[in-house]
Amino acid sequence: MQEFAPMVGEETIQRERRKAKELKNTTWWKNKKASGICHYCRNHFQPNELTMDHLIPIIRGGLSIKANLVPSCKDCNNKKKYSLPQDFQP
């Protein structure tokens, strides 16, 4: 992957990370992870093994809103990094 220049400032990144952290404690997120399915590779995991991923990364202007957040296995989340979903192959 090529080096990526952030499209948003540090203040925006921190604000969106705080919002995501708050959403992790909601019933909505717990239900989202309960299926145990990674959004990208579609493999099954224990819900506690899934992480929160932004479809459009914060650094590329994505927001911490329900429509932009999906459960992801740690491997897919690490591989995707700052990629957009259409540019990522698990």
PDB file of N, CA and C in Angstrom:
ATOM      1  N   MET A   1       0.835  -1.171   0.000  1.00  0.00           N
ATOM      2  CA  MET A   1       0.000   0.000   0.000  1.00  0.00           C
ATOM      3  C   MET A   1       0.885   1.240   0.000  1.00  0.00           C
ATOM      4  N   GLN A   2       0.469   2.234  -0.754  1.00  0.00           N
ATOM      5  CA  GLN A   2       1.223   3.466  -0.814  1.00  0.00           C
ATOM      6  C   GLN A   2       0.960   4.299   0.430  1.00  0.00           C
ATOM      7  N   GLU A   3       1.896   5.196   0.718  1.00  0.00           N
ATOM      8  CA  GLU A   3       1.712   6.088   1.851  1.00  0.00           C
ATOM      9  C   GLU A   3       0.503   6.966   1.586  1.00  0.00           C
ATOM     10  N   PHE A   4      -0.216   7.303   2.647  1.00  0.00           N
ATOM     11  CA  PHE A   4      -1.471   8.021   2.495  1.00  0.00           C
ATOM     12  C   PHE A   4      -1.439   9.326   3.277  1.00  0.00           C
ATOM     13  N   ALA A   5      -1.833  10.414   2.623  1.00  0.00           N
ATOM     14  CA  ALA A   5      -1.912  11.716   3.288  1.00  0.00           C
ATOM     15  C   ALA A   5      -3.326  11.898   3.833  1.00  0.00           C
ATOM     16  N   PRO A   6      -3.457  12.185   5.117  1.00  0.00           N
ATOM     17  CA  PRO A   6      -4.789  12.360   5.715  1.00  0.00           C
ATOM     18  C   PRO A   6      -5.596  13.448   5.023  1.00  0.00           C
ATOM     19  N   MET A   7      -6.901  13.199   4.901  1.00  0.00           N
ATOM     20  CA  MET A   7      -7.801  14.173   4.300  1.00  0.00           C
ATOM     21  C   MET A   7      -8.452  15.050   5.370  1.00  0.00           C
ATOM     22  N   VAL A   8      -8.280  14.683   6.640  1.00  0.00           N
ATOM     23  CA  VAL A   8      -8.884  15.440   7.744  1.00  0.00           C
ATOM     24  C   VAL A   8      -7.816  15.745   8.790  1.00  0.00           C
ATOM     25  N   GLY A   9      -8.111  16.704   9.642  1.00  0.00           N
ATOM     26  CA  GLY A   9      -7.164  17.105  10.673  1.00  0.00           C
ATOM     27  C   GLY A   9      -7.214  16.213  11.894  1.00  0.00           C
ATOM     28  N   GLU A  10      -6.217  16.356  12.732  1.00  0.00           N
ATOM     29  CA  GLU A  10      -6.093  15.547  13.949  1.00  0.00           C
ATOM     30  C   GLU A  10      -7.286  15.728  14.878  1.00  0.00           C
ATOM     31  N   GLU A  11      -7.811  16.931  14.964  1.00  0.00           N
ATOM     32  CA  GLU A  11      -8.969  17.184  15.829  1.00  0.00           C
ATOM     33  C   GLU A  11     -10.182  16.368  15.372  1.00  0.00           C
ATOM     34  N   THR A  12     -10.409  16.308  14.081  1.00  0.00           N
ATOM     35  CA  THR A  12     -11.519  15.524  13.530  1.00  0.00           C
ATOM     36  C   THR A  12     -11.307  14.043  13.788  1.00  0.00           C
ATOM     37  N   ILE A  13     -10.091  13.574  13.596  1.00  0.00           N
ATOM     38  CA  ILE A  13      -9.775  12.163  13.839  1.00  0.00           C
ATOM     39  C   ILE A  13     -10.067  11.808  15.290  1.00  0.00           C
ATOM     40  N   GLN A  14      -9.618  12.617  16.221  1.00  0.00           N
ATOM     41  CA  GLN A  14      -9.837  12.354  17.642  1.00  0.00           C
ATOM     42  C   GLN A  14     -11.327  12.379  17.998  1.00  0.00           C
ATOM     43  N   ARG A  15     -12.064  13.338  17.438  1.00  0.00           N
ATOM     44  CA  ARG A  15     -13.501  13.435  17.703  1.00  0.00           C
ATOM     45  C   ARG A  15     -14.228  12.172  17.214  1.00  0.00           C
ATOM     46  N   GLU A  16     -13.909  11.719  16.012  1.00  0.00           N
ATOM     47  CA  GLU A  16     -14.577  10.541  15.454  1.00  0.00           C
ATOM     48  C   GLU A  16     -14.176   9.272  16.208  1.00  0.00           C
ATOM     49  N   ARG A  17     -12.960   9.195  16.687  1.00  0.00           N
ATOM     50  CA  ARG A  17     -12.544   8.042  17.498  1.00  0.00           C
ATOM     51  C   ARG A  17     -13.298   8.007  18.822  1.00  0.00           C
ATOM     52  N   ARG A  18     -13.525   9.179  19.409  1.00  0.00           N
ATOM     53  CA  ARG A  18     -14.315   9.238  20.650  1.00  0.00           C
ATOM     54  C   ARG A  18     -15.740   8.762  20.396  1.00  0.00           C
ATOM     55  N   LYS A  19     -16.331   9.197  19.292  1.00  0.00           N
ATOM     56  CA  LYS A  19     -17.690   8.761  18.953  1.00  0.00           C
ATOM     57  C   LYS A  19     -17.738   7.245  18.769  1.00  0.00           C
ATOM     58  N   ALA A  20     -16.754   6.685  18.077  1.00  0.00           N
ATOM     59  CA  ALA A  20     -16.709   5.234  17.850  1.00  0.00           C
ATOM     60  C   ALA A  20     -16.587   4.494  19.173  1.00  0.00           C
ATOM     61  N   LYS A  21     -15.768   5.004  20.067  1.00  0.00           N
ATOM     62  CA  LYS A  21     -15.592   4.370  21.374  1.00  0.00           C
ATOM     63  C   LYS A  21     -16.905   4.365  22.142  1.00  0.00           C
ATOM     64  N   GLU A  22     -17.664   5.436  22.056  1.00  0.00           N
ATOM     65  CA  GLU A  22     -18.969   5.499  22.718  1.00  0.00           C
ATOM     66  C   GLU A  22     -19.935   4.483  22.109  1.00  0.00           C
ATOM     67  N   LEU A  23     -19.914   4.346  20.785  1.00  0.00           N
ATOM     68  CA  LEU A  23     -20.803   3.398  20.113  1.00  0.00           C
ATOM     69  C   LEU A  23     -20.474   1.946  20.462  1.00  0.00           C
ATOM     70  N   LYS A  24     -19.221   1.664  20.800  1.00  0.00           N
ATOM     71  CA  LYS A  24     -18.842   0.294  21.161  1.00  0.00           C
ATOM     72  C   LYS A  24     -19.578  -0.205  22.401  1.00  0.00           C
ATOM     73  N   ASN A  25     -20.052   0.698  23.219  1.00  0.00           N
ATOM     74  CA  ASN A  25     -20.742   0.320  24.452  1.00  0.00           C
ATOM     75  C   ASN A  25     -22.259   0.231  24.293  1.00  0.00           C
ATOM     76  N   THR A  26     -22.761   0.392  23.088  1.00  0.00           N
ATOM     77  CA  THR A  26     -24.209   0.396  22.880  1.00  0.00           C
ATOM     78  C   THR A  26     -24.739  -0.998  22.567  1.00  0.00           C
ATOM     79  N   THR A  27     -26.007  -1.177  22.813  1.00  0.00           N
ATOM     80  CA  THR A  27     -26.681  -2.427  22.469  1.00  0.00           C
ATOM     81  C   THR A  27     -26.615  -2.651  20.967  1.00  0.00           C
ATOM     82  N   TRP A  28     -26.723  -1.585  20.192  1.00  0.00           N
ATOM     83  CA  TRP A  28     -26.644  -1.700  18.726  1.00  0.00           C
ATOM     84  C   TRP A  28     -25.352  -2.410  18.306  1.00  0.00           C
ATOM     85  N   TRP A  29     -24.213  -1.976  18.844  1.00  0.00           N
ATOM     86  CA  TRP A  29     -22.936  -2.574  18.454  1.00  0.00           C
ATOM     87  C   TRP A  29     -22.815  -4.008  18.961  1.00  0.00           C
ATOM     88  N   LYS A  30     -23.258  -4.249  20.174  1.00  0.00           N
ATOM     89  CA  LYS A  30     -23.204  -5.609  20.720  1.00  0.00           C
ATOM     90  C   LYS A  30     -24.037  -6.562  19.867  1.00  0.00           C
ATOM     91  N   ASN A  31     -25.196  -6.120  19.391  1.00  0.00           N
ATOM     92  CA  ASN A  31     -26.018  -6.938  18.501  1.00  0.00           C
ATOM     93  C   ASN A  31     -25.344  -7.127  17.139  1.00  0.00           C
ATOM     94  N   LYS A  32     -24.684  -6.090  16.666  1.00  0.00           N
ATOM     95  CA  LYS A  32     -23.989  -6.154  15.372  1.00  0.00           C
ATOM     96  C   LYS A  32     -22.877  -7.215  15.412  1.00  0.00           C
ATOM     97  N   LYS A  33     -22.140  -7.272  16.517  1.00  0.00           N
ATOM     98  CA  LYS A  33     -21.051  -8.245  16.664  1.00  0.00           C
ATOM     99  C   LYS A  33     -21.556  -9.648  16.980  1.00  0.00           C
ATOM    100  N   ALA A  34     -22.760  -9.756  17.505  1.00  0.00           N
ATOM    101  CA  ALA A  34     -23.279 -11.039  17.987  1.00  0.00           C
ATOM    102  C   ALA A  34     -23.337 -12.109  16.905  1.00  0.00           C
ATOM    103  N   SER A  35     -23.481 -11.708  15.649  1.00  0.00           N
ATOM    104  CA  SER A  35     -23.525 -12.693  14.560  1.00  0.00           C
ATOM    105  C   SER A  35     -22.190 -13.420  14.437  1.00  0.00           C
ATOM    106  N   GLY A  36     -21.103 -12.747  14.834  1.00  0.00           N
ATOM    107  CA  GLY A  36     -19.780 -13.347  14.759  1.00  0.00           C
ATOM    108  C   GLY A  36     -19.212 -13.413  13.358  1.00  0.00           C
ATOM    109  N   ILE A  37     -19.791 -12.662  12.425  1.00  0.00           N
ATOM    110  CA  ILE A  37     -19.348 -12.720  11.026  1.00  0.00           C
ATOM    111  C   ILE A  37     -18.573 -11.457  10.663  1.00  0.00           C
ATOM    112  N   CYS A  38     -17.384 -11.652  10.110  1.00  0.00           N
ATOM    113  CA  CYS A  38     -16.574 -10.537   9.620  1.00  0.00           C
ATOM    114  C   CYS A  38     -17.229  -9.984   8.348  1.00  0.00           C
ATOM    115  N   HIS A  39     -17.372  -8.681   8.281  1.00  0.00           N
ATOM    116  CA  HIS A  39     -17.989  -8.024   7.129  1.00  0.00           C
ATOM    117  C   HIS A  39     -17.227  -8.298   5.832  1.00  0.00           C
ATOM    118  N   TYR A  40     -15.928  -8.467   5.918  1.00  0.00           N
ATOM    119  CA  TYR A  40     -15.102  -8.594   4.715  1.00  0.00           C
ATOM    120  C   TYR A  40     -14.887 -10.032   4.262  1.00  0.00           C
ATOM    121  N   CYS A  41     -14.361 -10.879   5.127  1.00  0.00           N
ATOM    122  CA  CYS A  41     -14.039 -12.252   4.716  1.00  0.00           C
ATOM    123  C   CYS A  41     -15.207 -13.213   4.922  1.00  0.00           C
ATOM    124  N   ARG A  42     -16.226 -12.780   5.663  1.00  0.00           N
ATOM    125  CA  ARG A  42     -17.436 -13.563   5.931  1.00  0.00           C
ATOM    126  C   ARG A  42     -17.182 -14.807   6.782  1.00  0.00           C
ATOM    127  N   ASN A  43     -16.008 -14.915   7.376  1.00  0.00           N
ATOM    128  CA  ASN A  43     -15.710 -16.025   8.274  1.00  0.00           C
ATOM    129  C   ASN A  43     -16.369 -15.778   9.625  1.00  0.00           C
ATOM    130  N   HIS A  44     -16.571 -16.880  10.367  1.00  0.00           N
ATOM    131  CA  HIS A  44     -17.195 -16.792  11.686  1.00  0.00           C
ATOM    132  C   HIS A  44     -16.137 -16.716  12.780  1.00  0.00           C
ATOM    133  N   PHE A  45     -16.411 -15.877  13.776  1.00  0.00           N
ATOM    134  CA  PHE A  45     -15.516 -15.663  14.906  1.00  0.00           C
ATOM    135  C   PHE A  45     -16.359 -15.547  16.167  1.00  0.00           C
ATOM    136  N   GLN A  46     -15.720 -15.640  17.305  1.00  0.00           N
ATOM    137  CA  GLN A  46     -16.383 -15.311  18.553  1.00  0.00           C
ATOM    138  C   GLN A  46     -16.622 -13.791  18.522  1.00  0.00           C
ATOM    139  N   PRO A  47     -17.756 -13.325  18.991  1.00  0.00           N
ATOM    140  CA  PRO A  47     -18.021 -11.881  18.947  1.00  0.00           C
ATOM    141  C   PRO A  47     -16.905 -11.024  19.558  1.00  0.00           C
ATOM    142  N   ASN A  48     -16.277 -11.516  20.620  1.00  0.00           N
ATOM    143  CA  ASN A  48     -15.203 -10.719  21.239  1.00  0.00           C
ATOM    144  C   ASN A  48     -13.932 -10.675  20.393  1.00  0.00           C
ATOM    145  N   GLU A  49     -13.864 -11.469  19.329  1.00  0.00           N
ATOM    146  CA  GLU A  49     -12.711 -11.447  18.427  1.00  0.00           C
ATOM    147  C   GLU A  49     -12.893 -10.449  17.281  1.00  0.00           C
ATOM    148  N   LEU A  50     -14.084  -9.859  17.177  1.00  0.00           N
ATOM    149  CA  LEU A  50     -14.345  -8.894  16.112  1.00  0.00           C
ATOM    150  C   LEU A  50     -14.040  -7.475  16.580  1.00  0.00           C
ATOM    151  N   THR A  51     -13.569  -6.660  15.655  1.00  0.00           N
ATOM    152  CA  THR A  51     -13.257  -5.268  15.944  1.00  0.00           C
ATOM    153  C   THR A  51     -14.207  -4.376  15.154  1.00  0.00           C
ATOM    154  N   MET A  52     -14.244  -3.119  15.527  1.00  0.00           N
ATOM    155  CA  MET A  52     -15.057  -2.140  14.810  1.00  0.00           C
ATOM    156  C   MET A  52     -14.213  -1.546  13.686  1.00  0.00           C
ATOM    157  N   ASP A  53     -14.771  -1.552  12.480  1.00  0.00           N
ATOM    158  CA  ASP A  53     -14.059  -0.966  11.341  1.00  0.00           C
ATOM    159  C   ASP A  53     -14.942   0.069  10.665  1.00  0.00           C
ATOM    160  N   HIS A  54     -14.322   1.148  10.235  1.00  0.00           N
ATOM    161  CA  HIS A  54     -15.008   2.176   9.462  1.00  0.00           C
ATOM    162  C   HIS A  54     -14.906   1.799   7.987  1.00  0.00           C
ATOM    163  N   LEU A  55     -16.042   1.648   7.309  1.00  0.00           N
ATOM    164  CA  LEU A  55     -16.016   1.346   5.879  1.00  0.00           C
ATOM    165  C   LEU A  55     -15.196   2.406   5.149  1.00  0.00           C
ATOM    166  N   ILE A  56     -15.554   3.651   5.376  1.00  0.00           N
ATOM    167  CA  ILE A  56     -14.739   4.766   4.882  1.00  0.00           C
ATOM    168  C   ILE A  56     -13.914   5.215   6.080  1.00  0.00           C
ATOM    169  N   PRO A  57     -12.617   5.001   6.044  1.00  0.00           N
ATOM    170  CA  PRO A  57     -11.772   5.324   7.201  1.00  0.00           C
ATOM    171  C   PRO A  57     -11.878   6.795   7.623  1.00  0.00           C
ATOM    172  N   ILE A  58     -11.755   7.019   8.906  1.00  0.00           N
ATOM    173  CA  ILE A  58     -11.814   8.383   9.442  1.00  0.00           C
ATOM    174  C   ILE A  58     -10.807   9.272   8.722  1.00  0.00           C
ATOM    175  N   ILE A  59      -9.623   8.769   8.523  1.00  0.00           N
ATOM    176  CA  ILE A  59      -8.540   9.553   7.921  1.00  0.00           C
ATOM    177  C   ILE A  59      -8.878   9.982   6.480  1.00  0.00           C
ATOM    178  N   ARG A  60      -9.864   9.286   5.877  1.00  0.00           N
ATOM    179  CA  ARG A  60     -10.298   9.624   4.516  1.00  0.00           C
ATOM    180  C   ARG A  60     -11.636  10.343   4.518  1.00  0.00           C
ATOM    181  N   GLY A  61     -12.046  10.817   5.698  1.00  0.00           N
ATOM    182  CA  GLY A  61     -13.272  11.602   5.792  1.00  0.00           C
ATOM    183  C   GLY A  61     -14.487  10.837   6.284  1.00  0.00           C
ATOM    184  N   GLY A  62     -14.319   9.560   6.636  1.00  0.00           N
ATOM    185  CA  GLY A  62     -15.428   8.772   7.149  1.00  0.00           C
ATOM    186  C   GLY A  62     -15.833   9.202   8.542  1.00  0.00           C
ATOM    187  N   LEU A  63     -17.096   8.971   8.854  1.00  0.00           N
ATOM    188  CA  LEU A  63     -17.628   9.361  10.151  1.00  0.00           C
ATOM    189  C   LEU A  63     -17.908   8.136  11.013  1.00  0.00           C
ATOM    190  N   SER A  64     -17.974   8.354  12.305  1.00  0.00           N
ATOM    191  CA  SER A  64     -18.332   7.284  13.235  1.00  0.00           C
ATOM    192  C   SER A  64     -19.844   7.289  13.413  1.00  0.00           C
ATOM    193  N   ILE A  65     -20.527   6.832  12.369  1.00  0.00           N
ATOM    194  CA  ILE A  65     -21.976   6.701  12.377  1.00  0.00           C
ATOM    195  C   ILE A  65     -22.307   5.253  12.059  1.00  0.00           C
ATOM    196  N   LYS A  66     -23.489   4.815  12.461  1.00  0.00           N
ATOM    197  CA  LYS A  66     -23.869   3.413  12.313  1.00  0.00           C
ATOM    198  C   LYS A  66     -23.726   2.908  10.880  1.00  0.00           C
ATOM    199  N   ALA A  67     -24.061   3.717   9.905  1.00  0.00           N
ATOM    200  CA  ALA A  67     -23.995   3.293   8.506  1.00  0.00           C
ATOM    201  C   ALA A  67     -22.564   3.072   8.022  1.00  0.00           C
ATOM    202  N   ASN A  68     -21.586   3.568   8.762  1.00  0.00           N
ATOM    203  CA  ASN A  68     -20.184   3.463   8.344  1.00  0.00           C
ATOM    204  C   ASN A  68     -19.373   2.487   9.201  1.00  0.00           C
ATOM    205  N   LEU A  69     -20.025   1.796  10.121  1.00  0.00           N
ATOM    206  CA  LEU A  69     -19.312   0.912  11.043  1.00  0.00           C
ATOM    207  C   LEU A  69     -19.736  -0.540  10.847  1.00  0.00           C
ATOM    208  N   VAL A  70     -18.743  -1.421  10.743  1.00  0.00           N
ATOM    209  CA  VAL A  70     -19.014  -2.846  10.547  1.00  0.00           C
ATOM    210  C   VAL A  70     -18.087  -3.676  11.427  1.00  0.00           C
ATOM    211  N   PRO A  71     -18.522  -4.899  11.788  1.00  0.00           N
ATOM    212  CA  PRO A  71     -17.627  -5.798  12.514  1.00  0.00           C
ATOM    213  C   PRO A  71     -16.609  -6.408  11.551  1.00  0.00           C
ATOM    214  N   SER A  72     -15.386  -6.501  11.999  1.00  0.00           N
ATOM    215  CA  SER A  72     -14.312  -7.019  11.160  1.00  0.00           C
ATOM    216  C   SER A  72     -13.380  -7.872  12.014  1.00  0.00           C
ATOM    217  N   CYS A  73     -12.872  -8.960  11.430  1.00  0.00           N
ATOM    218  CA  CYS A  73     -11.858  -9.721  12.148  1.00  0.00           C
ATOM    219  C   CYS A  73     -10.585  -8.877  12.188  1.00  0.00           C
ATOM    220  N   LYS A  74      -9.732  -9.166  13.131  1.00  0.00           N
ATOM    221  CA  LYS A  74      -8.518  -8.366  13.297  1.00  0.00           C
ATOM    222  C   LYS A  74      -7.625  -8.431  12.068  1.00  0.00           C
ATOM    223  N   ASP A  75      -7.584  -9.597  11.422  1.00  0.00           N
ATOM    224  CA  ASP A  75      -6.743  -9.751  10.234  1.00  0.00           C
ATOM    225  C   ASP A  75      -7.225  -8.836   9.102  1.00  0.00           C
ATOM    226  N   CYS A  76      -8.519  -8.872   8.811  1.00  0.00           N
ATOM    227  CA  CYS A  76      -9.059  -8.012   7.749  1.00  0.00           C
ATOM    228  C   CYS A  76      -8.911  -6.537   8.108  1.00  0.00           C
ATOM    229  N   ASN A  77      -9.176  -6.182   9.366  1.00  0.00           N
ATOM    230  CA  ASN A  77      -9.063  -4.796   9.785  1.00  0.00           C
ATOM    231  C   ASN A  77      -7.629  -4.291   9.604  1.00  0.00           C
ATOM    232  N   ASN A  78      -6.652  -5.101   9.967  1.00  0.00           N
ATOM    233  CA  ASN A  78      -5.251  -4.702   9.815  1.00  0.00           C
ATOM    234  C   ASN A  78      -4.848  -4.614   8.348  1.00  0.00           C
ATOM    235  N   LYS A  79      -5.340  -5.509   7.524  1.00  0.00           N
ATOM    236  CA  LYS A  79      -4.995  -5.490   6.100  1.00  0.00           C
ATOM    237  C   LYS A  79      -5.655  -4.316   5.379  1.00  0.00           C
ATOM    238  N   LYS A  80      -6.879  -3.985   5.766  1.00  0.00           N
ATOM    239  CA  LYS A  80      -7.625  -2.921   5.084  1.00  0.00           C
ATOM    240  C   LYS A  80      -7.010  -1.552   5.353  1.00  0.00           C
ATOM    241  N   LYS A  81      -6.616  -1.296   6.575  1.00  0.00           N
ATOM    242  CA  LYS A  81      -6.046  -0.011   6.989  1.00  0.00           C
ATOM    243  C   LYS A  81      -6.867   1.168   6.485  1.00  0.00           C
ATOM    244  N   TYR A  82      -6.309   1.952   5.554  1.00  0.00           N
ATOM    245  CA  TYR A  82      -6.958   3.168   5.070  1.00  0.00           C
ATOM    246  C   TYR A  82      -7.663   2.966   3.737  1.00  0.00           C
ATOM    247  N   SER A  83      -7.762   1.723   3.287  1.00  0.00           N
ATOM    248  CA  SER A  83      -8.397   1.444   1.998  1.00  0.00           C
ATOM    249  C   SER A  83      -9.906   1.656   2.060  1.00  0.00           C
ATOM    250  N   LEU A  84     -10.471   1.948   0.913  1.00  0.00           N
ATOM    251  CA  LEU A  84     -11.914   1.952   0.788  1.00  0.00           C
ATOM    252  C   LEU A  84     -12.368   0.523   0.512  1.00  0.00           C
ATOM    253  N   PRO A  85     -13.609   0.177   0.832  1.00  0.00           N
ATOM    254  CA  PRO A  85     -14.058  -1.209   0.649  1.00  0.00           C
ATOM    255  C   PRO A  85     -13.840  -1.737  -0.765  1.00  0.00           C
ATOM    256  N   GLN A  86     -14.070  -0.913  -1.778  1.00  0.00           N
ATOM    257  CA  GLN A  86     -13.907  -1.380  -3.160  1.00  0.00           C
ATOM    258  C   GLN A  86     -12.441  -1.637  -3.531  1.00  0.00           C
ATOM    259  N   ASP A  87     -11.517  -1.109  -2.747  1.00  0.00           N
ATOM    260  CA  ASP A  87     -10.092  -1.296  -3.023  1.00  0.00           C
ATOM    261  C   ASP A  87      -9.481  -2.415  -2.189  1.00  0.00           C
ATOM    262  N   PHE A  88     -10.277  -3.034  -1.319  1.00  0.00           N
ATOM    263  CA  PHE A  88      -9.751  -4.026  -0.394  1.00  0.00           C
ATOM    264  C   PHE A  88     -10.188  -5.442  -0.794  1.00  0.00           C
ATOM    265  N   GLN A  89      -9.236  -6.336  -0.853  1.00  0.00           N
ATOM    266  CA  GLN A  89      -9.492  -7.759  -1.091  1.00  0.00           C
ATOM    267  C   GLN A  89      -9.005  -8.552   0.102  1.00  0.00           C
ATOM    268  N   PRO A  90      -9.927  -9.210   0.851  1.00  0.00           N
ATOM    269  CA  PRO A  90      -9.478  -9.972   2.033  1.00  0.00           C
ATOM    270  C   PRO A  90      -8.609 -11.156   1.665  1.00  0.00           C
TER     271      PRO A  90
END
